[in-house]
Amino acid sequence: MKTWLVPSLALAMIAVPVVAQQKLGAVQGVRSPEQVYAKVCGYCHGRNVGPVILGRHLPAEAITYIARHGQNGMPAFRPTEITPAELDALAHWISTAPARKEEHGQ
């Protein structure tokens, strides 16, 4: 047995950071449309990266389709990233939400 292997493994296990994760098999809680927009959409939309989408009264069906399939520079979001229930609520919320003064862009 090579003696250098055991200390290396012990050192590697100590160096691995502990990250809080969702437990395997646990169901993630449903996020509100405002939470999803803030965490996922608002990162680009309204900040000169993607077009402003609030206050434009876009059809919810179009929002759902583009979010799932992507378009131009926008990536597609998988059901593991935005659940179907969250996406339906988000699309309806975006289609009826008023414009925000702090958002700017295309």
C-alpha atoms as a PDB file:
ATOM      1  CA  MET A   1       0.000   0.000   0.000  1.00  0.00           C
ATOM      2  CA  LYS A   2       1.256   3.427  -0.837  1.00  0.00           C
ATOM      3  CA  THR A   3       1.416   5.511   2.325  1.00  0.00           C
ATOM      4  CA  TRP A   4       1.133   8.856   0.525  1.00  0.00           C
ATOM      5  CA  LEU A   5      -2.422   8.069  -0.561  1.00  0.00           C
ATOM      6  CA  VAL A   6      -4.031   8.031   2.896  1.00  0.00           C
ATOM      7  CA  PRO A   7      -2.869  11.522   4.009  1.00  0.00           C
ATOM      8  CA  SER A   8      -3.833  12.933   0.604  1.00  0.00           C
ATOM      9  CA  LEU A   9      -7.363  11.583   0.879  1.00  0.00           C
ATOM     10  CA  ALA A  10      -7.743  12.862   4.422  1.00  0.00           C
ATOM     11  CA  LEU A  11      -6.522  16.292   3.370  1.00  0.00           C
ATOM     12  CA  ALA A  12      -8.861  16.347   0.350  1.00  0.00           C
ATOM     13  CA  MET A  13     -11.855  15.478   2.525  1.00  0.00           C
ATOM     14  CA  ILE A  14     -11.043  18.299   4.952  1.00  0.00           C
ATOM     15  CA  ALA A  15     -10.703  20.842   2.135  1.00  0.00           C
ATOM     16  CA  VAL A  16     -14.158  20.174   0.676  1.00  0.00           C
ATOM     17  CA  PRO A  17     -16.511  23.001   1.689  1.00  0.00           C
ATOM     18  CA  VAL A  18     -19.785  22.100   3.331  1.00  0.00           C
ATOM     19  CA  VAL A  19     -22.694  23.617   1.429  1.00  0.00           C
ATOM     20  CA  ALA A  20     -26.279  23.621   2.654  1.00  0.00           C
ATOM     21  CA  GLN A  21     -28.335  21.737   0.107  1.00  0.00           C
ATOM     22  CA  GLN A  22     -31.859  20.541  -0.291  1.00  0.00           C
ATOM     23  CA  LYS A  23     -32.139  17.010   1.070  1.00  0.00           C
ATOM     24  CA  LEU A  24     -32.507  14.293  -1.533  1.00  0.00           C
ATOM     25  CA  GLY A  25     -36.177  13.564  -2.079  1.00  0.00           C
ATOM     26  CA  ALA A  26     -37.345  16.712  -0.272  1.00  0.00           C
ATOM     27  CA  VAL A  27     -39.868  18.821  -2.141  1.00  0.00           C
ATOM     28  CA  GLN A  28     -38.842  22.424  -2.730  1.00  0.00           C
ATOM     29  CA  GLY A  29     -41.444  24.973  -1.684  1.00  0.00           C
ATOM     30  CA  VAL A  30     -43.259  26.892  -4.402  1.00  0.00           C
ATOM     31  CA  ARG A  31     -41.836  30.374  -4.851  1.00  0.00           C
ATOM     32  CA  SER A  32     -44.068  33.374  -5.493  1.00  0.00           C
ATOM     33  CA  PRO A  33     -43.965  35.041  -8.929  1.00  0.00           C
ATOM     34  CA  GLU A  34     -42.221  38.031  -7.360  1.00  0.00           C
ATOM     35  CA  GLN A  35     -39.505  35.770  -5.925  1.00  0.00           C
ATOM     36  CA  VAL A  36     -38.949  33.971  -9.239  1.00  0.00           C
ATOM     37  CA  TYR A  37     -38.823  37.262 -11.136  1.00  0.00           C
ATOM     38  CA  ALA A  38     -36.318  38.731  -8.667  1.00  0.00           C
ATOM     39  CA  LYS A  39     -34.065  35.653  -8.669  1.00  0.00           C
ATOM     40  CA  VAL A  40     -34.328  34.551 -12.305  1.00  0.00           C
ATOM     41  CA  CYS A  41     -35.847  37.129 -14.665  1.00  0.00           C
ATOM     42  CA  GLY A  42     -34.929  40.432 -13.070  1.00  0.00           C
ATOM     43  CA  TYR A  43     -31.238  39.620 -13.358  1.00  0.00           C
ATOM     44  CA  CYS A  44     -31.412  40.627 -17.043  1.00  0.00           C
ATOM     45  CA  HIS A  45     -34.827  42.136 -17.765  1.00  0.00           C
ATOM     46  CA  GLY A  46     -34.931  45.800 -16.880  1.00  0.00           C
ATOM     47  CA  ARG A  47     -31.162  46.156 -16.561  1.00  0.00           C
ATOM     48  CA  ASN A  48     -30.149  46.827 -20.198  1.00  0.00           C
ATOM     49  CA  VAL A  49     -29.424  43.141 -20.861  1.00  0.00           C
ATOM     50  CA  GLY A  50     -32.842  41.869 -21.918  1.00  0.00           C
ATOM     51  CA  PRO A  51     -35.921  43.858 -22.855  1.00  0.00           C
ATOM     52  CA  VAL A  52     -38.179  45.354 -20.199  1.00  0.00           C
ATOM     53  CA  ILE A  53     -41.094  42.947 -19.819  1.00  0.00           C
ATOM     54  CA  LEU A  54     -43.122  44.418 -16.952  1.00  0.00           C
ATOM     55  CA  GLY A  55     -45.897  46.771 -17.946  1.00  0.00           C
ATOM     56  CA  ARG A  56     -45.999  45.559 -21.557  1.00  0.00           C
ATOM     57  CA  HIS A  57     -49.016  43.268 -21.102  1.00  0.00           C
ATOM     58  CA  LEU A  58     -47.345  40.412 -22.974  1.00  0.00           C
ATOM     59  CA  PRO A  59     -49.507  37.301 -23.441  1.00  0.00           C
ATOM     60  CA  ALA A  60     -48.903  34.740 -20.693  1.00  0.00           C
ATOM     61  CA  GLU A  61     -48.683  31.949 -23.298  1.00  0.00           C
ATOM     62  CA  ALA A  62     -45.830  33.739 -25.075  1.00  0.00           C
ATOM     63  CA  ILE A  63     -43.955  34.258 -21.807  1.00  0.00           C
ATOM     64  CA  THR A  64     -44.330  30.575 -20.918  1.00  0.00           C
ATOM     65  CA  TYR A  65     -43.159  29.414 -24.344  1.00  0.00           C
ATOM     66  CA  ILE A  66     -40.114  31.700 -24.441  1.00  0.00           C
ATOM     67  CA  ALA A  67     -39.123  30.840 -20.865  1.00  0.00           C
ATOM     68  CA  ARG A  68     -39.185  27.104 -21.666  1.00  0.00           C
ATOM     69  CA  HIS A  69     -37.631  27.256 -25.152  1.00  0.00           C
ATOM     70  CA  GLY A  70     -35.427  30.358 -25.030  1.00  0.00           C
ATOM     71  CA  GLN A  71     -35.189  33.011 -27.714  1.00  0.00           C
ATOM     72  CA  ASN A  72     -32.231  34.897 -29.155  1.00  0.00           C
ATOM     73  CA  GLY A  73     -29.840  35.457 -26.222  1.00  0.00           C
ATOM     74  CA  MET A  74     -32.276  34.248 -23.563  1.00  0.00           C
ATOM     75  CA  PRO A  75     -31.681  30.705 -22.339  1.00  0.00           C
ATOM     76  CA  ALA A  76     -34.418  28.126 -21.889  1.00  0.00           C
ATOM     77  CA  PHE A  77     -35.315  27.360 -18.275  1.00  0.00           C
ATOM     78  CA  ARG A  78     -35.904  23.702 -17.380  1.00  0.00           C
ATOM     79  CA  PRO A  79     -38.722  22.512 -15.100  1.00  0.00           C
ATOM     80  CA  THR A  80     -36.051  21.807 -12.488  1.00  0.00           C
ATOM     81  CA  GLU A  81     -35.178  25.527 -12.488  1.00  0.00           C
ATOM     82  CA  ILE A  82     -38.732  26.932 -12.644  1.00  0.00           C
ATOM     83  CA  THR A  83     -41.505  24.443 -11.938  1.00  0.00           C
ATOM     84  CA  PRO A  84     -44.549  24.343 -14.227  1.00  0.00           C
ATOM     85  CA  ALA A  85     -46.735  25.817 -11.445  1.00  0.00           C
ATOM     86  CA  GLU A  86     -44.215  28.606 -10.806  1.00  0.00           C
ATOM     87  CA  LEU A  87     -43.943  29.366 -14.523  1.00  0.00           C
ATOM     88  CA  ASP A  88     -47.718  29.567 -14.982  1.00  0.00           C
ATOM     89  CA  ALA A  89     -48.039  31.945 -12.018  1.00  0.00           C
ATOM     90  CA  LEU A  90     -45.013  33.961 -13.187  1.00  0.00           C
ATOM     91  CA  ALA A  91     -46.323  34.317 -16.754  1.00  0.00           C
ATOM     92  CA  HIS A  92     -49.710  35.550 -15.514  1.00  0.00           C
ATOM     93  CA  TRP A  93     -48.035  37.944 -13.066  1.00  0.00           C
ATOM     94  CA  ILE A  94     -45.719  39.398 -15.738  1.00  0.00           C
ATOM     95  CA  SER A  95     -48.585  39.811 -18.207  1.00  0.00           C
ATOM     96  CA  THR A  96     -50.589  41.878 -15.698  1.00  0.00           C
ATOM     97  CA  ALA A  97     -47.805  43.621 -13.739  1.00  0.00           C
ATOM     98  CA  PRO A  98     -47.384  47.380 -14.036  1.00  0.00           C
ATOM     99  CA  ALA A  99     -44.154  48.896 -15.305  1.00  0.00           C
ATOM    100  CA  ARG A 100     -41.471  49.687 -12.740  1.00  0.00           C
ATOM    101  CA  LYS A 101     -39.770  53.090 -12.800  1.00  0.00           C
ATOM    102  CA  GLU A 102     -36.430  51.593 -11.760  1.00  0.00           C
ATOM    103  CA  GLU A 103     -36.328  49.234 -14.740  1.00  0.00           C
ATOM    104  CA  HIS A 104     -34.789  50.545 -17.913  1.00  0.00           C
ATOM    105  CA  GLY A 105     -33.495  49.213 -21.190  1.00  0.00           C
ATOM    106  CA  GLN A 106     -34.726  48.002 -24.523  1.00  0.00           C
END
